[in-house]
């Protein structure tokens, strides 16, 4: 192959995934700006955009064989902005500011727990030994649930006092990020055990619902993913503690 096409290929492998990650950081940054202007629904929308871009960059990197240690670290820094700082500021200014120091502590939870979750993920990640599960709720899903909640609440209950519900949601997602609950890798509501045809149909229904009913679909699917992981983990714990019959 000619040196120029080779150089262009190497350049694209370096630039394309990191450009997507950079775009995700930009979406998180714009979300923070929208929050500062009181545009909370728009801020939540940009967090969702960052989630979609984050799901894309890793797949593109693997597709063009462009994974790297730099990409892993860059992606983690992006996640810290998009899924730690941006949702924390959104919930602080929308719900927690009147609570004073308690509101500051509540809004800090996503930042702190996202940092712990991402650090643990980077330490445990081994490209030579891929696993089928995440340990702890992925930061992407936590941010998706928080942003989806804001869009849902702003659309269906504008002006309502939702501080208590918002506080419970922040505490739950933050603690799950640093928990030992296992969540299957893959799409929301992992479809690994469903037959291929059903998987395609179910996946199509999920995508269609996100497009047609975004005001509540993101929040609903995110919660279902959380409940699925909790239920699966609880069943595995019960089965592991059940004595096996002697043979």
C-alpha atoms as a PDB file:
ATOM      1  CA  UNK A   1       0.000   0.000   0.000  1.00  0.00           C
ATOM      2  CA  UNK A   2       1.181   3.515  -0.793  1.00  0.00           C
ATOM      3  CA  UNK A   3       2.702   5.373   2.180  1.00  0.00           C
ATOM      4  CA  UNK A   4       0.117   8.172   1.974  1.00  0.00           C
ATOM      5  CA  UNK A   5      -2.956   5.923   2.341  1.00  0.00           C
ATOM      6  CA  UNK A   6      -1.174   4.134   5.196  1.00  0.00           C
ATOM      7  CA  UNK A   7      -0.460   7.428   6.930  1.00  0.00           C
ATOM      8  CA  UNK A   8      -4.067   8.547   6.395  1.00  0.00           C
ATOM      9  CA  UNK A   9      -5.329   5.268   7.860  1.00  0.00           C
ATOM     10  CA  UNK A  10      -3.116   5.604  10.928  1.00  0.00           C
ATOM     11  CA  UNK A  11      -4.201   9.236  11.340  1.00  0.00           C
ATOM     12  CA  UNK A  12      -7.896   8.321  11.129  1.00  0.00           C
ATOM     13  CA  UNK A  13      -7.431   5.545  13.688  1.00  0.00           C
ATOM     14  CA  UNK A  14      -5.946   8.059  16.113  1.00  0.00           C
ATOM     15  CA  UNK A  15      -8.268  10.984  15.419  1.00  0.00           C
ATOM     16  CA  UNK A  16     -11.746   9.509  14.821  1.00  0.00           C
ATOM     17  CA  UNK A  17     -12.397   7.823  18.204  1.00  0.00           C
ATOM     18  CA  UNK A  18     -10.837  10.703  20.137  1.00  0.00           C
ATOM     19  CA  UNK A  19     -12.856  13.196  18.087  1.00  0.00           C
ATOM     20  CA  UNK A  20     -16.036  11.415  19.178  1.00  0.00           C
ATOM     21  CA  UNK A  21     -14.850  11.467  22.802  1.00  0.00           C
ATOM     22  CA  UNK A  22     -14.023  15.165  22.473  1.00  0.00           C
ATOM     23  CA  UNK A  23     -17.514  15.775  21.082  1.00  0.00           C
ATOM     24  CA  UNK A  24     -18.967  14.005  24.109  1.00  0.00           C
ATOM     25  CA  UNK A  25     -16.986  16.310  26.425  1.00  0.00           C
ATOM     26  CA  UNK A  26     -18.275  19.281  24.450  1.00  0.00           C
ATOM     27  CA  UNK A  27     -21.853  18.040  24.964  1.00  0.00           C
ATOM     28  CA  UNK A  28     -21.198  17.781  28.708  1.00  0.00           C
ATOM     29  CA  UNK A  29     -19.682  21.276  28.732  1.00  0.00           C
ATOM     30  CA  UNK A  30     -22.704  22.725  26.903  1.00  0.00           C
ATOM     31  CA  UNK A  31     -24.941  20.941  29.408  1.00  0.00           C
ATOM     32  CA  UNK A  32     -23.166  22.800  32.231  1.00  0.00           C
ATOM     33  CA  UNK A  33     -23.628  26.096  30.371  1.00  0.00           C
ATOM     34  CA  UNK A  34     -27.339  25.381  29.853  1.00  0.00           C
ATOM     35  CA  UNK A  35     -27.711  24.592  33.562  1.00  0.00           C
ATOM     36  CA  UNK A  36     -26.097  27.918  34.454  1.00  0.00           C
ATOM     37  CA  UNK A  37     -28.699  29.653  32.250  1.00  0.00           C
ATOM     38  CA  UNK A  38     -31.614  27.823  33.847  1.00  0.00           C
ATOM     39  CA  UNK A  39     -32.297  25.731  30.721  1.00  0.00           C
ATOM     40  CA  UNK A  40     -32.606  22.466  32.607  1.00  0.00           C
ATOM     41  CA  UNK A  41     -34.373  20.356  29.991  1.00  0.00           C
ATOM     42  CA  UNK A  42     -31.794  21.359  27.374  1.00  0.00           C
ATOM     43  CA  UNK A  43     -29.002  20.590  29.863  1.00  0.00           C
ATOM     44  CA  UNK A  44     -30.429  17.095  30.413  1.00  0.00           C
ATOM     45  CA  UNK A  45     -30.701  16.630  26.645  1.00  0.00           C
ATOM     46  CA  UNK A  46     -27.004  17.369  26.192  1.00  0.00           C
ATOM     47  CA  UNK A  47     -26.145  14.800  28.879  1.00  0.00           C
ATOM     48  CA  UNK A  48     -28.146  12.226  26.907  1.00  0.00           C
ATOM     49  CA  UNK A  49     -26.256  13.265  23.765  1.00  0.00           C
ATOM     50  CA  UNK A  50     -22.983  12.730  25.622  1.00  0.00           C
ATOM     51  CA  UNK A  51     -24.211   9.249  26.619  1.00  0.00           C
ATOM     52  CA  UNK A  52     -24.933   8.353  22.999  1.00  0.00           C
ATOM     53  CA  UNK A  53     -21.538   9.616  21.854  1.00  0.00           C
ATOM     54  CA  UNK A  54     -19.831   7.689  24.658  1.00  0.00           C
ATOM     55  CA  UNK A  55     -21.531   4.468  23.556  1.00  0.00           C
ATOM     56  CA  UNK A  56     -20.318   5.170  20.027  1.00  0.00           C
ATOM     57  CA  UNK A  57     -16.641   6.009  20.553  1.00  0.00           C
ATOM     58  CA  UNK A  58     -15.624   2.634  21.993  1.00  0.00           C
ATOM     59  CA  UNK A  59     -17.434   0.724  19.262  1.00  0.00           C
ATOM     60  CA  UNK A  60     -15.792   2.839  16.548  1.00  0.00           C
ATOM     61  CA  UNK A  61     -12.347   2.357  18.140  1.00  0.00           C
ATOM     62  CA  UNK A  62     -12.787  -1.425  18.191  1.00  0.00           C
ATOM     63  CA  UNK A  63     -14.207  -1.444  14.678  1.00  0.00           C
ATOM     64  CA  UNK A  64     -11.188   0.312  13.174  1.00  0.00           C
ATOM     65  CA  UNK A  65      -8.710  -1.363  15.589  1.00  0.00           C
ATOM     66  CA  UNK A  66      -7.799   1.921  17.235  1.00  0.00           C
ATOM     67  CA  UNK A  67      -8.063   1.091  20.944  1.00  0.00           C
ATOM     68  CA  UNK A  68      -5.263   2.522  23.078  1.00  0.00           C
ATOM     69  CA  UNK A  69      -4.328   3.311  26.676  1.00  0.00           C
ATOM     70  CA  UNK A  70      -4.637   7.005  25.844  1.00  0.00           C
ATOM     71  CA  UNK A  71      -8.175   6.445  24.586  1.00  0.00           C
ATOM     72  CA  UNK A  72      -9.118   4.658  27.811  1.00  0.00           C
ATOM     73  CA  UNK A  73      -7.829   7.521  29.985  1.00  0.00           C
ATOM     74  CA  UNK A  74      -9.323  10.211  27.730  1.00  0.00           C
ATOM     75  CA  UNK A  75     -12.687   8.430  27.832  1.00  0.00           C
ATOM     76  CA  UNK A  76     -12.591   8.264  31.643  1.00  0.00           C
ATOM     77  CA  UNK A  77     -11.896  11.993  31.905  1.00  0.00           C
ATOM     78  CA  UNK A  78     -14.803  12.623  29.546  1.00  0.00           C
ATOM     79  CA  UNK A  79     -17.048  10.425  31.674  1.00  0.00           C
ATOM     80  CA  UNK A  80     -16.067  12.347  34.803  1.00  0.00           C
ATOM     81  CA  UNK A  81     -17.258  15.598  33.195  1.00  0.00           C
ATOM     82  CA  UNK A  82     -20.339  14.207  31.476  1.00  0.00           C
ATOM     83  CA  UNK A  83     -21.617  11.774  34.107  1.00  0.00           C
ATOM     84  CA  UNK A  84     -20.206  13.275  37.284  1.00  0.00           C
ATOM     85  CA  UNK A  85     -19.986  17.063  37.103  1.00  0.00           C
ATOM     86  CA  UNK A  86     -22.767  17.831  34.595  1.00  0.00           C
ATOM     87  CA  UNK A  87     -25.555  15.834  36.339  1.00  0.00           C
ATOM     88  CA  UNK A  88     -24.379  17.038  39.770  1.00  0.00           C
ATOM     89  CA  UNK A  89     -24.655  20.700  38.786  1.00  0.00           C
ATOM     90  CA  UNK A  90     -27.981  20.086  37.047  1.00  0.00           C
ATOM     91  CA  UNK A  91     -29.525  18.538  40.159  1.00  0.00           C
ATOM     92  CA  UNK A  92     -27.979  21.111  42.478  1.00  0.00           C
ATOM     93  CA  UNK A  93     -29.368  24.158  40.697  1.00  0.00           C
ATOM     94  CA  UNK A  94     -32.699  22.543  39.816  1.00  0.00           C
ATOM     95  CA  UNK A  95     -33.485  20.766  43.107  1.00  0.00           C
ATOM     96  CA  UNK A  96     -30.900  21.048  45.878  1.00  0.00           C
ATOM     97  CA  UNK A  97     -29.767  24.704  46.078  1.00  0.00           C
ATOM     98  CA  UNK A  98     -32.389  25.673  48.727  1.00  0.00           C
ATOM     99  CA  UNK A  99     -31.115  22.846  51.000  1.00  0.00           C
ATOM    100  CA  UNK A 100     -27.832  24.606  51.767  1.00  0.00           C
ATOM    101  CA  UNK A 101     -24.981  22.343  52.844  1.00  0.00           C
ATOM    102  CA  UNK A 102     -27.201  19.259  52.525  1.00  0.00           C
ATOM    103  CA  UNK A 103     -27.864  20.171  48.906  1.00  0.00           C
ATOM    104  CA  UNK A 104     -24.136  20.548  48.261  1.00  0.00           C
ATOM    105  CA  UNK A 105     -23.449  17.123  49.768  1.00  0.00           C
ATOM    106  CA  UNK A 106     -26.271  15.479  47.785  1.00  0.00           C
ATOM    107  CA  UNK A 107     -25.109  17.000  44.508  1.00  0.00           C
ATOM    108  CA  UNK A 108     -21.509  15.985  45.245  1.00  0.00           C
ATOM    109  CA  UNK A 109     -22.436  12.294  45.455  1.00  0.00           C
ATOM    110  CA  UNK A 110     -22.543  11.716  41.656  1.00  0.00           C
ATOM    111  CA  UNK A 111     -19.146  13.403  41.280  1.00  0.00           C
ATOM    112  CA  UNK A 112     -17.468  11.404  44.046  1.00  0.00           C
ATOM    113  CA  UNK A 113     -19.023   8.046  43.182  1.00  0.00           C
ATOM    114  CA  UNK A 114     -18.431   8.464  39.454  1.00  0.00           C
ATOM    115  CA  UNK A 115     -14.753   9.143  40.200  1.00  0.00           C
ATOM    116  CA  UNK A 116     -14.504   5.998  42.348  1.00  0.00           C
ATOM    117  CA  UNK A 117     -16.379   3.908  39.772  1.00  0.00           C
ATOM    118  CA  UNK A 118     -14.190   5.067  36.874  1.00  0.00           C
ATOM    119  CA  UNK A 119     -10.948   4.584  38.825  1.00  0.00           C
ATOM    120  CA  UNK A 120     -11.965   1.070  39.801  1.00  0.00           C
ATOM    121  CA  UNK A 121     -12.955   0.282  36.222  1.00  0.00           C
ATOM    122  CA  UNK A 122      -9.591   1.447  34.864  1.00  0.00           C
ATOM    123  CA  UNK A 123      -7.677  -0.602  37.438  1.00  0.00           C
ATOM    124  CA  UNK A 124      -9.699  -3.766  36.799  1.00  0.00           C
ATOM    125  CA  UNK A 125      -9.902  -3.442  33.018  1.00  0.00           C
ATOM    126  CA  UNK A 126      -7.893  -6.119  31.212  1.00  0.00           C
ATOM    127  CA  UNK A 127      -8.219  -6.173  27.404  1.00  0.00           C
ATOM    128  CA  UNK A 128      -6.810  -9.712  27.349  1.00  0.00           C
ATOM    129  CA  UNK A 129      -9.482 -11.001  29.742  1.00  0.00           C
ATOM    130  CA  UNK A 130     -12.829  -9.426  28.770  1.00  0.00           C
ATOM    131  CA  UNK A 131     -15.730  -9.977  31.150  1.00  0.00           C
ATOM    132  CA  UNK A 132     -19.447 -10.172  30.503  1.00  0.00           C
ATOM    133  CA  UNK A 133     -20.428  -7.898  33.408  1.00  0.00           C
ATOM    134  CA  UNK A 134     -19.752  -4.484  34.900  1.00  0.00           C
ATOM    135  CA  UNK A 135     -19.187  -4.367  38.660  1.00  0.00           C
ATOM    136  CA  UNK A 136     -21.321  -1.467  39.839  1.00  0.00           C
ATOM    137  CA  UNK A 137     -23.771   0.601  37.834  1.00  0.00           C
ATOM    138  CA  UNK A 138     -22.052   2.079  34.742  1.00  0.00           C
ATOM    139  CA  UNK A 139     -21.673   5.845  34.973  1.00  0.00           C
ATOM    140  CA  UNK A 140     -23.322   6.180  31.562  1.00  0.00           C
ATOM    141  CA  UNK A 141     -26.538   4.562  32.786  1.00  0.00           C
ATOM    142  CA  UNK A 142     -26.502   6.548  36.034  1.00  0.00           C
ATOM    143  CA  UNK A 143     -26.293   9.811  34.074  1.00  0.00           C
ATOM    144  CA  UNK A 144     -28.926   8.611  31.608  1.00  0.00           C
ATOM    145  CA  UNK A 145     -31.357   7.924  34.462  1.00  0.00           C
ATOM    146  CA  UNK A 146     -30.693  11.294  36.111  1.00  0.00           C
ATOM    147  CA  UNK A 147     -31.021  13.241  32.864  1.00  0.00           C
ATOM    148  CA  UNK A 148     -34.068  11.212  31.845  1.00  0.00           C
ATOM    149  CA  UNK A 149     -35.687  11.993  35.199  1.00  0.00           C
ATOM    150  CA  UNK A 150     -35.200  15.735  34.688  1.00  0.00           C
ATOM    151  CA  UNK A 151     -36.786  15.596  31.226  1.00  0.00           C
ATOM    152  CA  UNK A 152     -39.667  13.486  32.569  1.00  0.00           C
ATOM    153  CA  UNK A 153     -40.279  15.706  35.612  1.00  0.00           C
ATOM    154  CA  UNK A 154     -40.016  18.961  33.660  1.00  0.00           C
ATOM    155  CA  UNK A 155     -42.492  17.709  31.050  1.00  0.00           C
ATOM    156  CA  UNK A 156     -45.079  16.018  33.275  1.00  0.00           C
ATOM    157  CA  UNK A 157     -44.682  17.924  36.570  1.00  0.00           C
ATOM    158  CA  UNK A 158     -43.319  21.400  35.736  1.00  0.00           C
ATOM    159  CA  UNK A 159     -42.895  23.539  38.819  1.00  0.00           C
ATOM    160  CA  UNK A 160     -43.693  20.678  41.210  1.00  0.00           C
ATOM    161  CA  UNK A 161     -41.624  20.142  44.350  1.00  0.00           C
ATOM    162  CA  UNK A 162     -39.585  17.063  43.417  1.00  0.00           C
ATOM    163  CA  UNK A 163     -36.679  17.553  45.834  1.00  0.00           C
ATOM    164  CA  UNK A 164     -37.344  14.399  47.865  1.00  0.00           C
ATOM    165  CA  UNK A 165     -37.685  12.163  44.796  1.00  0.00           C
ATOM    166  CA  UNK A 166     -34.612  13.742  43.189  1.00  0.00           C
ATOM    167  CA  UNK A 167     -32.605  13.188  46.372  1.00  0.00           C
ATOM    168  CA  UNK A 168     -33.561   9.514  46.570  1.00  0.00           C
ATOM    169  CA  UNK A 169     -32.674   9.017  42.910  1.00  0.00           C
ATOM    170  CA  UNK A 170     -29.254  10.654  43.308  1.00  0.00           C
ATOM    171  CA  UNK A 171     -28.452   8.579  46.409  1.00  0.00           C
ATOM    172  CA  UNK A 172     -29.570   5.351  44.729  1.00  0.00           C
ATOM    173  CA  UNK A 173     -27.608   5.832  41.495  1.00  0.00           C
ATOM    174  CA  UNK A 174     -24.514   7.079  43.354  1.00  0.00           C
ATOM    175  CA  UNK A 175     -24.409   4.112  45.734  1.00  0.00           C
ATOM    176  CA  UNK A 176     -25.049   1.634  42.922  1.00  0.00           C
ATOM    177  CA  UNK A 177     -22.067   3.029  41.005  1.00  0.00           C
ATOM    178  CA  UNK A 178     -19.734   2.010  43.823  1.00  0.00           C
ATOM    179  CA  UNK A 179     -21.597  -1.189  44.728  1.00  0.00           C
ATOM    180  CA  UNK A 180     -20.665  -4.761  43.848  1.00  0.00           C
ATOM    181  CA  UNK A 181     -23.913  -5.312  41.929  1.00  0.00           C
ATOM    182  CA  UNK A 182     -23.158  -6.840  38.544  1.00  0.00           C
ATOM    183  CA  UNK A 183     -24.682  -5.416  35.375  1.00  0.00           C
ATOM    184  CA  UNK A 184     -24.411  -7.263  32.097  1.00  0.00           C
ATOM    185  CA  UNK A 185     -22.576  -5.555  29.290  1.00  0.00           C
ATOM    186  CA  UNK A 186     -24.541  -4.782  26.154  1.00  0.00           C
ATOM    187  CA  UNK A 187     -27.699  -2.847  25.476  1.00  0.00           C
ATOM    188  CA  UNK A 188     -30.113  -1.530  28.069  1.00  0.00           C
ATOM    189  CA  UNK A 189     -31.838  -4.604  29.488  1.00  0.00           C
ATOM    190  CA  UNK A 190     -29.217  -7.033  28.233  1.00  0.00           C
ATOM    191  CA  UNK A 191     -30.750  -9.176  25.509  1.00  0.00           C
ATOM    192  CA  UNK A 192     -28.019 -11.801  25.413  1.00  0.00           C
ATOM    193  CA  UNK A 193     -30.271 -14.690  26.307  1.00  0.00           C
ATOM    194  CA  UNK A 194     -33.073 -13.831  23.900  1.00  0.00           C
ATOM    195  CA  UNK A 195     -33.149 -15.475  20.485  1.00  0.00           C
ATOM    196  CA  UNK A 196     -31.725 -13.417  17.661  1.00  0.00           C
ATOM    197  CA  UNK A 197     -35.079 -12.582  16.015  1.00  0.00           C
ATOM    198  CA  UNK A 198     -36.623 -11.564  19.322  1.00  0.00           C
ATOM    199  CA  UNK A 199     -33.514  -9.559  20.166  1.00  0.00           C
ATOM    200  CA  UNK A 200     -33.841  -7.579  16.946  1.00  0.00           C
ATOM    201  CA  UNK A 201     -37.546  -6.956  17.541  1.00  0.00           C
ATOM    202  CA  UNK A 202     -37.021  -5.961  21.179  1.00  0.00           C
ATOM    203  CA  UNK A 203     -34.078  -3.729  20.297  1.00  0.00           C
ATOM    204  CA  UNK A 204     -36.133  -2.047  17.572  1.00  0.00           C
ATOM    205  CA  UNK A 205     -38.962  -1.402  20.045  1.00  0.00           C
ATOM    206  CA  UNK A 206     -36.512   0.171  22.516  1.00  0.00           C
ATOM    207  CA  UNK A 207     -35.029   2.455  19.854  1.00  0.00           C
ATOM    208  CA  UNK A 208     -38.492   3.381  18.556  1.00  0.00           C
ATOM    209  CA  UNK A 209     -39.697   4.256  22.066  1.00  0.00           C
ATOM    210  CA  UNK A 210     -36.628   6.444  22.659  1.00  0.00           C
ATOM    211  CA  UNK A 211     -37.321   8.332  19.427  1.00  0.00           C
ATOM    212  CA  UNK A 212     -41.108   8.604  19.750  1.00  0.00           C
ATOM    213  CA  UNK A 213     -41.442   9.096  23.518  1.00  0.00           C
ATOM    214  CA  UNK A 214     -38.143  10.595  24.719  1.00  0.00           C
ATOM    215  CA  UNK A 215     -39.774  12.487  27.599  1.00  0.00           C
ATOM    216  CA  UNK A 216     -40.201   9.288  29.588  1.00  0.00           C
ATOM    217  CA  UNK A 217     -38.557   6.456  27.598  1.00  0.00           C
ATOM    218  CA  UNK A 218     -34.952   7.231  28.599  1.00  0.00           C
ATOM    219  CA  UNK A 219     -35.884   7.356  32.289  1.00  0.00           C
ATOM    220  CA  UNK A 220     -38.054   4.231  32.066  1.00  0.00           C
ATOM    221  CA  UNK A 221     -35.507   2.045  30.263  1.00  0.00           C
ATOM    222  CA  UNK A 222     -32.736   3.253  32.550  1.00  0.00           C
ATOM    223  CA  UNK A 223     -34.738   2.324  35.650  1.00  0.00           C
ATOM    224  CA  UNK A 224     -35.573  -1.080  34.163  1.00  0.00           C
ATOM    225  CA  UNK A 225     -31.866  -1.692  33.563  1.00  0.00           C
ATOM    226  CA  UNK A 226     -31.119  -0.819  37.195  1.00  0.00           C
ATOM    227  CA  UNK A 227     -33.910  -3.072  38.505  1.00  0.00           C
ATOM    228  CA  UNK A 228     -32.857  -5.894  36.186  1.00  0.00           C
ATOM    229  CA  UNK A 229     -29.312  -5.812  37.577  1.00  0.00           C
ATOM    230  CA  UNK A 230     -30.508  -5.644  41.191  1.00  0.00           C
ATOM    231  CA  UNK A 231     -32.942  -8.531  40.699  1.00  0.00           C
ATOM    232  CA  UNK A 232     -30.364 -10.655  38.869  1.00  0.00           C
ATOM    233  CA  UNK A 233     -27.763 -10.011  41.576  1.00  0.00           C
ATOM    234  CA  UNK A 234     -30.230 -10.829  44.372  1.00  0.00           C
ATOM    235  CA  UNK A 235     -31.220 -14.119  42.717  1.00  0.00           C
ATOM    236  CA  UNK A 236     -27.564 -15.107  42.243  1.00  0.00           C
ATOM    237  CA  UNK A 237     -26.820 -14.311  45.896  1.00  0.00           C
ATOM    238  CA  UNK A 238     -29.780 -16.393  47.092  1.00  0.00           C
ATOM    239  CA  UNK A 239     -28.835 -19.326  44.863  1.00  0.00           C
ATOM    240  CA  UNK A 240     -25.203 -19.158  45.983  1.00  0.00           C
ATOM    241  CA  UNK A 241     -26.295 -19.391  49.625  1.00  0.00           C
ATOM    242  CA  UNK A 242     -28.742 -22.253  49.033  1.00  0.00           C
ATOM    243  CA  UNK A 243     -27.293 -25.624  50.092  1.00  0.00           C
ATOM    244  CA  UNK A 244     -27.044 -28.079  47.195  1.00  0.00           C
ATOM    245  CA  UNK A 245     -28.686 -31.487  47.586  1.00  0.00           C
ATOM    246  CA  UNK A 246     -26.282 -34.348  48.193  1.00  0.00           C
ATOM    247  CA  UNK A 247     -25.811 -36.773  45.331  1.00  0.00           C
END
